[in-house]
Amino acid sequence: MHCYQYLAATVAVANVIERIPGIHHRLPLSLIADWMAENDIEAEDVLFAGPGAIESRVEDLVQQNQPRIQRAA
């Protein structure tokens, strides 16, 4: 069950990242999962938070890490 929760959280974060201007392609879920781990984003935090909270946290983190994310893709 934990695997499905983590997958759902990773997909949710990937969807938020994809909507951010400047990210022109879908990033691999493995890259998103690694990025979530590096930034201490837990699956439970994503699944039980409201959509606005997820979007604002992810957008803030992406703005700080965007050059690294683009190179990795």
PDB file of N, CA and C in Angstrom:
ATOM      1  N   MET A   1       0.815  -1.188   0.000  1.00  0.00           N
ATOM      2  CA  MET A   1       0.000   0.000   0.000  1.00  0.00           C
ATOM      3  C   MET A   1       0.864   1.260   0.000  1.00  0.00           C
ATOM      4  N   HIS A   2       1.960   1.231   0.709  1.00  0.00           N
ATOM      5  CA  HIS A   2       2.842   2.389   0.783  1.00  0.00           C
ATOM      6  C   HIS A   2       3.383   2.745  -0.603  1.00  0.00           C
ATOM      7  N   CYS A   3       3.646   1.737  -1.424  1.00  0.00           N
ATOM      8  CA  CYS A   3       4.157   1.996  -2.776  1.00  0.00           C
ATOM      9  C   CYS A   3       3.148   2.799  -3.598  1.00  0.00           C
ATOM     10  N   TYR A   4       1.871   2.446  -3.486  1.00  0.00           N
ATOM     11  CA  TYR A   4       0.837   3.164  -4.226  1.00  0.00           C
ATOM     12  C   TYR A   4       0.697   4.592  -3.728  1.00  0.00           C
ATOM     13  N   GLN A   5       0.820   4.783  -2.431  1.00  0.00           N
ATOM     14  CA  GLN A   5       0.738   6.129  -1.876  1.00  0.00           C
ATOM     15  C   GLN A   5       1.904   6.974  -2.381  1.00  0.00           C
ATOM     16  N   TYR A   6       3.093   6.394  -2.395  1.00  0.00           N
ATOM     17  CA  TYR A   6       4.261   7.131  -2.854  1.00  0.00           C
ATOM     18  C   TYR A   6       4.148   7.453  -4.343  1.00  0.00           C
ATOM     19  N   LEU A   7       3.640   6.499  -5.123  1.00  0.00           N
ATOM     20  CA  LEU A   7       3.440   6.742  -6.546  1.00  0.00           C
ATOM     21  C   LEU A   7       2.426   7.860  -6.763  1.00  0.00           C
ATOM     22  N   ALA A   8       1.322   7.833  -6.037  1.00  0.00           N
ATOM     23  CA  ALA A   8       0.298   8.869  -6.172  1.00  0.00           C
ATOM     24  C   ALA A   8       0.870  10.237  -5.799  1.00  0.00           C
ATOM     25  N   ALA A   9       1.648  10.302  -4.740  1.00  0.00           N
ATOM     26  CA  ALA A   9       2.252  11.568  -4.320  1.00  0.00           C
ATOM     27  C   ALA A   9       3.246  12.061  -5.370  1.00  0.00           C
ATOM     28  N   THR A  10       4.026  11.158  -5.925  1.00  0.00           N
ATOM     29  CA  THR A  10       5.006  11.531  -6.944  1.00  0.00           C
ATOM     30  C   THR A  10       4.316  12.062  -8.193  1.00  0.00           C
ATOM     31  N   VAL A  11       3.240  11.415  -8.606  1.00  0.00           N
ATOM     32  CA  VAL A  11       2.481  11.877  -9.770  1.00  0.00           C
ATOM     33  C   VAL A  11       1.863  13.250  -9.490  1.00  0.00           C
ATOM     34  N   ALA A  12       1.353  13.448  -8.283  1.00  0.00           N
ATOM     35  CA  ALA A  12       0.768  14.745  -7.924  1.00  0.00           C
ATOM     36  C   ALA A  12       1.813  15.852  -7.987  1.00  0.00           C
ATOM     37  N   VAL A  13       2.997  15.585  -7.465  1.00  0.00           N
ATOM     38  CA  VAL A  13       4.073  16.578  -7.507  1.00  0.00           C
ATOM     39  C   VAL A  13       4.518  16.805  -8.959  1.00  0.00           C
ATOM     40  N   ALA A  14       4.606  15.739  -9.744  1.00  0.00           N
ATOM     41  CA  ALA A  14       4.979  15.877 -11.157  1.00  0.00           C
ATOM     42  C   ALA A  14       3.980  16.743 -11.905  1.00  0.00           C
ATOM     43  N   ASN A  15       2.698  16.591 -11.605  1.00  0.00           N
ATOM     44  CA  ASN A  15       1.669  17.403 -12.254  1.00  0.00           C
ATOM     45  C   ASN A  15       1.810  18.876 -11.888  1.00  0.00           C
ATOM     46  N   VAL A  16       2.146  19.153 -10.638  1.00  0.00           N
ATOM     47  CA  VAL A  16       2.358  20.545 -10.219  1.00  0.00           C
ATOM     48  C   VAL A  16       3.578  21.120 -10.934  1.00  0.00           C
ATOM     49  N   ILE A  17       4.655  20.358 -10.996  1.00  0.00           N
ATOM     50  CA  ILE A  17       5.883  20.831 -11.648  1.00  0.00           C
ATOM     51  C   ILE A  17       5.641  21.080 -13.128  1.00  0.00           C
ATOM     52  N   GLU A  18       4.855  20.220 -13.756  1.00  0.00           N
ATOM     53  CA  GLU A  18       4.596  20.366 -15.188  1.00  0.00           C
ATOM     54  C   GLU A  18       3.843  21.659 -15.505  1.00  0.00           C
ATOM     55  N   ARG A  19       3.024  22.138 -14.580  1.00  0.00           N
ATOM     56  CA  ARG A  19       2.258  23.368 -14.797  1.00  0.00           C
ATOM     57  C   ARG A  19       3.077  24.634 -14.564  1.00  0.00           C
ATOM     58  N   ILE A  20       4.269  24.511 -14.033  1.00  0.00           N
ATOM     59  CA  ILE A  20       5.106  25.678 -13.753  1.00  0.00           C
ATOM     60  C   ILE A  20       5.737  26.174 -15.053  1.00  0.00           C
ATOM     61  N   PRO A  21       5.631  27.476 -15.341  1.00  0.00           N
ATOM     62  CA  PRO A  21       6.272  28.015 -16.550  1.00  0.00           C
ATOM     63  C   PRO A  21       7.778  27.771 -16.518  1.00  0.00           C
ATOM     64  N   GLY A  22       8.325  27.417 -17.652  1.00  0.00           N
ATOM     65  CA  GLY A  22       9.762  27.156 -17.745  1.00  0.00           C
ATOM     66  C   GLY A  22      10.098  25.682 -17.761  1.00  0.00           C
ATOM     67  N   ILE A  23       9.180  24.836 -17.357  1.00  0.00           N
ATOM     68  CA  ILE A  23       9.376  23.383 -17.443  1.00  0.00           C
ATOM     69  C   ILE A  23       8.600  22.962 -18.689  1.00  0.00           C
ATOM     70  N   HIS A  24       9.319  22.625 -19.744  1.00  0.00           N
ATOM     71  CA  HIS A  24       8.680  22.403 -21.039  1.00  0.00           C
ATOM     72  C   HIS A  24       8.393  20.944 -21.356  1.00  0.00           C
ATOM     73  N   HIS A  25       8.762  20.050 -20.501  1.00  0.00           N
ATOM     74  CA  HIS A  25       8.509  18.641 -20.768  1.00  0.00           C
ATOM     75  C   HIS A  25       8.275  17.906 -19.459  1.00  0.00           C
ATOM     76  N   ARG A  26       7.668  16.758 -19.558  1.00  0.00           N
ATOM     77  CA  ARG A  26       7.381  15.941 -18.371  1.00  0.00           C
ATOM     78  C   ARG A  26       8.669  15.277 -17.903  1.00  0.00           C
ATOM     79  N   LEU A  27       8.976  15.471 -16.640  1.00  0.00           N
ATOM     80  CA  LEU A  27      10.177  14.879 -16.062  1.00  0.00           C
ATOM     81  C   LEU A  27       9.889  13.439 -15.646  1.00  0.00           C
ATOM     82  N   PRO A  28      10.884  12.573 -15.688  1.00  0.00           N
ATOM     83  CA  PRO A  28      10.679  11.186 -15.253  1.00  0.00           C
ATOM     84  C   PRO A  28      10.282  11.130 -13.779  1.00  0.00           C
ATOM     85  N   LEU A  29       9.389  10.201 -13.450  1.00  0.00           N
ATOM     86  CA  LEU A  29       8.931  10.071 -12.064  1.00  0.00           C
ATOM     87  C   LEU A  29      10.077   9.722 -11.124  1.00  0.00           C
ATOM     88  N   SER A  30      11.069   9.000 -11.612  1.00  0.00           N
ATOM     89  CA  SER A  30      12.214   8.671 -10.750  1.00  0.00           C
ATOM     90  C   SER A  30      12.968   9.936 -10.351  1.00  0.00           C
ATOM     91  N   LEU A  31      13.078  10.878 -11.265  1.00  0.00           N
ATOM     92  CA  LEU A  31      13.736  12.149 -10.965  1.00  0.00           C
ATOM     93  C   LEU A  31      12.910  12.947  -9.955  1.00  0.00           C
ATOM     94  N   ILE A  32      11.590  12.935 -10.134  1.00  0.00           N
ATOM     95  CA  ILE A  32      10.702  13.630  -9.195  1.00  0.00           C
ATOM     96  C   ILE A  32      10.804  12.999  -7.810  1.00  0.00           C
ATOM     97  N   ALA A  33      10.814  11.669  -7.751  1.00  0.00           N
ATOM     98  CA  ALA A  33      10.909  10.967  -6.465  1.00  0.00           C
ATOM     99  C   ALA A  33      12.223  11.294  -5.756  1.00  0.00           C
ATOM    100  N   ASP A  34      13.320  11.316  -6.508  1.00  0.00           N
ATOM    101  CA  ASP A  34      14.615  11.677  -5.909  1.00  0.00           C
ATOM    102  C   ASP A  34      14.592  13.117  -5.397  1.00  0.00           C
ATOM    103  N   TRP A  35      14.009  14.006  -6.191  1.00  0.00           N
ATOM    104  CA  TRP A  35      13.922  15.408  -5.804  1.00  0.00           C
ATOM    105  C   TRP A  35      13.079  15.567  -4.549  1.00  0.00           C
ATOM    106  N   MET A  36      11.965  14.807  -4.467  1.00  0.00           N
ATOM    107  CA  MET A  36      11.120  14.851  -3.269  1.00  0.00           C
ATOM    108  C   MET A  36      11.918  14.403  -2.039  1.00  0.00           C
ATOM    109  N   ALA A  37      12.702  13.346  -2.184  1.00  0.00           N
ATOM    110  CA  ALA A  37      13.499  12.850  -1.057  1.00  0.00           C
ATOM    111  C   ALA A  37      14.539  13.883  -0.630  1.00  0.00           C
ATOM    112  N   GLU A  38      15.183  14.526  -1.595  1.00  0.00           N
ATOM    113  CA  GLU A  38      16.202  15.531  -1.288  1.00  0.00           C
ATOM    114  C   GLU A  38      15.606  16.735  -0.553  1.00  0.00           C
ATOM    115  N   ASN A  39      14.345  17.021  -0.809  1.00  0.00           N
ATOM    116  CA  ASN A  39      13.694  18.198  -0.232  1.00  0.00           C
ATOM    117  C   ASN A  39      12.742  17.839   0.905  1.00  0.00           C
ATOM    118  N   ASP A  40      12.861  16.625   1.418  1.00  0.00           N
ATOM    119  CA  ASP A  40      12.065  16.164   2.563  1.00  0.00           C
ATOM    120  C   ASP A  40      10.562  16.304   2.338  1.00  0.00           C
ATOM    121  N   ILE A  41      10.113  15.956   1.152  1.00  0.00           N
ATOM    122  CA  ILE A  41       8.684  15.949   0.861  1.00  0.00           C
ATOM    123  C   ILE A  41       8.213  14.503   1.018  1.00  0.00           C
ATOM    124  N   GLU A  42       7.421  14.273   2.032  1.00  0.00           N
ATOM    125  CA  GLU A  42       6.912  12.930   2.311  1.00  0.00           C
ATOM    126  C   GLU A  42       5.599  12.702   1.556  1.00  0.00           C
ATOM    127  N   ALA A  43       5.354  11.454   1.174  1.00  0.00           N
ATOM    128  CA  ALA A  43       4.133  11.108   0.453  1.00  0.00           C
ATOM    129  C   ALA A  43       2.901  11.493   1.258  1.00  0.00           C
ATOM    130  N   GLU A  44       2.937  11.254   2.552  1.00  0.00           N
ATOM    131  CA  GLU A  44       1.792  11.577   3.407  1.00  0.00           C
ATOM    132  C   GLU A  44       1.513  13.080   3.414  1.00  0.00           C
ATOM    133  N   ASP A  45       2.572  13.884   3.387  1.00  0.00           N
ATOM    134  CA  ASP A  45       2.400  15.338   3.361  1.00  0.00           C
ATOM    135  C   ASP A  45       1.655  15.770   2.103  1.00  0.00           C
ATOM    136  N   VAL A  46       1.979  15.138   0.991  1.00  0.00           N
ATOM    137  CA  VAL A  46       1.350  15.485  -0.278  1.00  0.00           C
ATOM    138  C   VAL A  46      -0.089  14.991  -0.315  1.00  0.00           C
ATOM    139  N   LEU A  47      -0.296  13.767   0.110  1.00  0.00           N
ATOM    140  CA  LEU A  47      -1.619  13.156  -0.007  1.00  0.00           C
ATOM    141  C   LEU A  47      -2.651  13.775   0.927  1.00  0.00           C
ATOM    142  N   PHE A  48      -2.210  14.251   2.075  1.00  0.00           N
ATOM    143  CA  PHE A  48      -3.153  14.776   3.056  1.00  0.00           C
ATOM    144  C   PHE A  48      -3.209  16.299   3.105  1.00  0.00           C
ATOM    145  N   ALA A  49      -2.442  16.969   2.263  1.00  0.00           N
ATOM    146  CA  ALA A  49      -2.458  18.433   2.207  1.00  0.00           C
ATOM    147  C   ALA A  49      -3.448  18.883   1.141  1.00  0.00           C
ATOM    148  N   GLY A  50      -3.907  20.075   1.290  1.00  0.00           N
ATOM    149  CA  GLY A  50      -4.789  20.645   0.275  1.00  0.00           C
ATOM    150  C   GLY A  50      -3.999  20.994  -0.977  1.00  0.00           C
ATOM    151  N   PRO A  51      -4.663  21.073  -2.110  1.00  0.00           N
ATOM    152  CA  PRO A  51      -3.968  21.343  -3.369  1.00  0.00           C
ATOM    153  C   PRO A  51      -3.173  22.644  -3.360  1.00  0.00           C
ATOM    154  N   GLY A  52      -3.705  23.677  -2.751  1.00  0.00           N
ATOM    155  CA  GLY A  52      -2.989  24.945  -2.708  1.00  0.00           C
ATOM    156  C   GLY A  52      -1.694  24.861  -1.930  1.00  0.00           C
ATOM    157  N   ALA A  53      -1.698  24.100  -0.844  1.00  0.00           N
ATOM    158  CA  ALA A  53      -0.493  23.941  -0.027  1.00  0.00           C
ATOM    159  C   ALA A  53       0.590  23.188  -0.786  1.00  0.00           C
ATOM    160  N   ILE A  54       0.196  22.179  -1.516  1.00  0.00           N
ATOM    161  CA  ILE A  54       1.162  21.400  -2.300  1.00  0.00           C
ATOM    162  C   ILE A  54       1.778  22.277  -3.376  1.00  0.00           C
ATOM    163  N   GLU A  55       0.914  22.981  -4.097  1.00  0.00           N
ATOM    164  CA  GLU A  55       1.394  23.808  -5.198  1.00  0.00           C
ATOM    165  C   GLU A  55       2.352  24.886  -4.725  1.00  0.00           C
ATOM    166  N   SER A  56       2.020  25.571  -3.650  1.00  0.00           N
ATOM    167  CA  SER A  56       2.899  26.648  -3.196  1.00  0.00           C
ATOM    168  C   SER A  56       4.237  26.114  -2.711  1.00  0.00           C
ATOM    169  N   ARG A  57       4.236  24.993  -1.986  1.00  0.00           N
ATOM    170  CA  ARG A  57       5.503  24.439  -1.502  1.00  0.00           C
ATOM    171  C   ARG A  57       6.366  23.945  -2.660  1.00  0.00           C
ATOM    172  N   VAL A  58       5.756  23.235  -3.586  1.00  0.00           N
ATOM    173  CA  VAL A  58       6.515  22.700  -4.717  1.00  0.00           C
ATOM    174  C   VAL A  58       7.036  23.831  -5.592  1.00  0.00           C
ATOM    175  N   GLU A  59       6.199  24.823  -5.863  1.00  0.00           N
ATOM    176  CA  GLU A  59       6.639  25.943  -6.696  1.00  0.00           C
ATOM    177  C   GLU A  59       7.806  26.687  -6.062  1.00  0.00           C
ATOM    178  N   ASP A  60       7.754  26.900  -4.751  1.00  0.00           N
ATOM    179  CA  ASP A  60       8.865  27.564  -4.068  1.00  0.00           C
ATOM    180  C   ASP A  60      10.149  26.753  -4.187  1.00  0.00           C
ATOM    181  N   LEU A  61      10.042  25.453  -3.978  1.00  0.00           N
ATOM    182  CA  LEU A  61      11.226  24.594  -4.056  1.00  0.00           C
ATOM    183  C   LEU A  61      11.768  24.512  -5.478  1.00  0.00           C
ATOM    184  N   VAL A  62      10.883  24.454  -6.452  1.00  0.00           N
ATOM    185  CA  VAL A  62      11.330  24.371  -7.849  1.00  0.00           C
ATOM    186  C   VAL A  62      12.049  25.653  -8.243  1.00  0.00           C
ATOM    187  N   GLN A  63      11.536  26.799  -7.825  1.00  0.00           N
ATOM    188  CA  GLN A  63      12.193  28.059  -8.154  1.00  0.00           C
ATOM    189  C   GLN A  63      13.615  28.101  -7.582  1.00  0.00           C
ATOM    190  N   GLN A  64      13.811  27.503  -6.418  1.00  0.00           N
ATOM    191  CA  GLN A  64      15.141  27.461  -5.802  1.00  0.00           C
ATOM    192  C   GLN A  64      16.049  26.459  -6.503  1.00  0.00           C
ATOM    193  N   ASN A  65      15.481  25.351  -7.021  1.00  0.00           N
ATOM    194  CA  ASN A  65      16.273  24.257  -7.589  1.00  0.00           C
ATOM    195  C   ASN A  65      16.136  24.125  -9.094  1.00  0.00           C
ATOM    196  N   GLN A  66      15.497  25.049  -9.760  1.00  0.00           N
ATOM    197  CA  GLN A  66      15.171  24.884 -11.165  1.00  0.00           C
ATOM    198  C   GLN A  66      16.387  24.623 -12.063  1.00  0.00           C
ATOM    199  N   PRO A  67      17.492  25.325 -11.936  1.00  0.00           N
ATOM    200  CA  PRO A  67      18.618  25.012 -12.828  1.00  0.00           C
ATOM    201  C   PRO A  67      19.082  23.554 -12.697  1.00  0.00           C
ATOM    202  N   ARG A  68      19.081  23.025 -11.488  1.00  0.00           N
ATOM    203  CA  ARG A  68      19.506  21.646 -11.278  1.00  0.00           C
ATOM    204  C   ARG A  68      18.521  20.664 -11.882  1.00  0.00           C
ATOM    205  N   ILE A  69      17.244  20.954 -11.781  1.00  0.00           N
ATOM    206  CA  ILE A  69      16.223  20.075 -12.329  1.00  0.00           C
ATOM    207  C   ILE A  69      16.317  20.052 -13.846  1.00  0.00           C
ATOM    208  N   GLN A  70      16.515  21.192 -14.489  1.00  0.00           N
ATOM    209  CA  GLN A  70      16.596  21.234 -15.939  1.00  0.00           C
ATOM    210  C   GLN A  70      17.808  20.481 -16.451  1.00  0.00           C
ATOM    211  N   ARG A  71      18.933  20.566 -15.775  1.00  0.00           N
ATOM    212  CA  ARG A  71      20.121  19.819 -16.204  1.00  0.00           C
ATOM    213  C   ARG A  71      19.908  18.332 -16.077  1.00  0.00           C
ATOM    214  N   ALA A  72      19.189  17.909 -15.044  1.00  0.00           N
ATOM    215  CA  ALA A  72      18.972  16.492 -14.814  1.00  0.00           C
ATOM    216  C   ALA A  72      18.048  15.906 -15.862  1.00  0.00           C
ATOM    217  N   ALA A  73      17.137  16.697 -16.367  1.00  0.00           N
ATOM    218  CA  ALA A  73      16.183  16.200 -17.373  1.00  0.00           C
ATOM    219  C   ALA A  73      16.892  16.072 -18.680  1.00  0.00           C
TER     220      ALA A  73
END
